[in-house]
Amino acid sequence: MIWPSMMKFILGDIAITRAALRTIPAEEIYRGIDRHVCGDWGVVNESERAQNEFSLRHGFRLLSVYETGEGVKFQVTTDARRTKTTVLLPHETIETINQ
């Protein structure tokens, strides 16, 4: 369980793509969102980790990458205004989802 004091930012509305829902078990989606909001960016490289820390302080987009127990990677991204968080698969893009 995530307590409000553990959250590093506001998630806003949460959207999960159909592909992510079909591919990733719900419990792993919930766990990924929990880790994301606590600043655990998952399996990103050091450069991406540093970019997230900078973005957290200065109000830019945040991107986390996680891997399920079955080895499927998925992303959790929060927009710069902190109004929307999206769970998606790596081959999906925010632009195609919003169309």
Protein backbone atom coordinates (compact mmCIF):
# COMPACT_ATOMS: atom_id res chain seq x y z
CA MET A 1 0.00 0.00 0.00
CA ILE A 2 1.23 3.46 -0.89
CA TRP A 3 0.71 6.17 1.71
CA PRO A 4 0.32 9.78 0.51
CA SER A 5 3.55 10.70 2.28
CA MET A 6 5.40 8.21 0.03
CA MET A 7 4.18 9.84 -3.20
CA LYS A 8 6.66 12.13 -4.96
CA PHE A 9 4.08 13.70 -7.31
CA ILE A 10 0.42 13.65 -8.32
CA LEU A 11 -0.55 11.06 -10.95
CA GLY A 12 -3.60 12.87 -12.33
CA ASP A 13 -6.03 10.73 -14.32
CA ILE A 14 -4.80 7.21 -15.00
CA ALA A 15 -5.18 5.63 -18.45
CA ILE A 16 -4.18 2.09 -19.41
CA THR A 17 -4.06 1.12 -23.07
CA ARG A 18 -6.03 -1.87 -24.31
CA ALA A 19 -2.81 -3.59 -25.36
CA ALA A 20 -1.37 -3.15 -21.87
CA LEU A 21 -4.58 -4.49 -20.27
CA ARG A 22 -4.50 -7.56 -22.52
CA THR A 23 -0.81 -8.23 -21.92
CA ILE A 24 0.04 -7.27 -18.33
CA PRO A 25 -1.60 -8.79 -15.23
CA ALA A 26 -3.56 -6.17 -13.29
CA GLU A 27 -1.51 -6.69 -10.13
CA GLU A 28 1.70 -5.88 -12.04
CA ILE A 29 0.10 -2.75 -13.50
CA TYR A 30 -0.87 -1.59 -9.99
CA ARG A 31 2.62 -2.35 -8.69
CA GLY A 32 4.19 -0.40 -11.57
CA ILE A 33 2.01 2.64 -10.88
CA ASP A 34 2.87 2.45 -7.17
CA ARG A 35 6.60 2.27 -7.92
CA HIS A 36 6.34 5.12 -10.45
CA VAL A 37 4.66 7.54 -8.05
CA CYS A 38 7.28 6.74 -5.38
CA GLY A 39 10.14 7.59 -7.74
CA ASP A 40 11.29 4.03 -8.43
CA TRP A 41 11.82 4.40 -12.18
CA GLY A 42 12.33 0.68 -12.81
CA VAL A 43 14.72 -0.64 -15.46
CA VAL A 44 15.77 2.68 -16.99
CA ASN A 45 19.45 3.48 -17.57
CA GLU A 46 21.36 6.03 -15.47
CA SER A 47 20.80 8.82 -18.00
CA GLU A 48 17.02 8.26 -17.98
CA ARG A 49 17.05 8.00 -14.19
CA ALA A 50 18.85 11.37 -13.94
CA GLN A 51 16.42 12.88 -16.46
CA ASN A 52 13.47 11.72 -14.33
CA GLU A 53 14.99 13.23 -11.19
CA PHE A 54 15.52 16.53 -13.05
CA SER A 55 11.98 16.34 -14.46
CA LEU A 56 10.57 15.68 -11.01
CA ARG A 57 12.14 18.89 -9.68
CA HIS A 58 11.43 21.06 -12.74
CA GLY A 59 8.03 19.86 -13.96
CA PHE A 60 8.79 17.81 -17.06
CA ARG A 61 7.42 14.44 -18.21
CA LEU A 62 8.30 11.35 -16.14
CA LEU A 63 8.93 7.92 -17.67
CA SER A 64 9.36 4.59 -15.89
CA VAL A 65 9.95 1.16 -17.43
CA TYR A 66 9.11 -2.09 -15.66
CA GLU A 67 9.28 -5.76 -16.52
CA THR A 68 6.64 -8.31 -15.56
CA GLY A 69 7.48 -11.67 -14.04
CA GLU A 70 7.03 -13.10 -17.56
CA GLY A 71 9.61 -10.68 -18.99
CA VAL A 72 7.19 -8.27 -20.71
CA LYS A 73 8.32 -4.65 -20.51
CA PHE A 74 5.83 -1.85 -20.02
CA GLN A 75 6.01 1.88 -19.44
CA VAL A 76 4.33 4.25 -17.02
CA THR A 77 4.49 7.90 -18.02
CA THR A 78 3.15 11.05 -16.37
CA ASP A 79 2.77 14.26 -18.33
CA ALA A 80 4.58 17.46 -17.38
CA ARG A 81 1.46 19.07 -15.88
CA ARG A 82 0.85 15.97 -13.71
CA THR A 83 -2.70 15.69 -15.05
CA LYS A 84 -2.44 12.24 -16.67
CA THR A 85 -0.50 9.03 -16.14
CA THR A 86 -0.55 6.38 -18.85
CA VAL A 87 0.41 2.70 -18.74
CA LEU A 88 1.45 1.39 -22.16
CA LEU A 89 3.63 -1.08 -23.98
CA PRO A 90 6.97 0.12 -25.40
CA HIS A 91 5.81 -0.04 -29.05
CA GLU A 92 2.87 2.28 -28.29
CA THR A 93 3.23 6.06 -28.20
CA ILE A 94 1.22 8.70 -26.39
CA GLU A 95 0.52 10.42 -29.71
CA THR A 96 -1.15 7.34 -31.25
CA ILE A 97 -3.10 6.64 -28.07
CA ASN A 98 -4.60 10.15 -27.99
CA GLN A 99 -5.88 9.97 -31.58
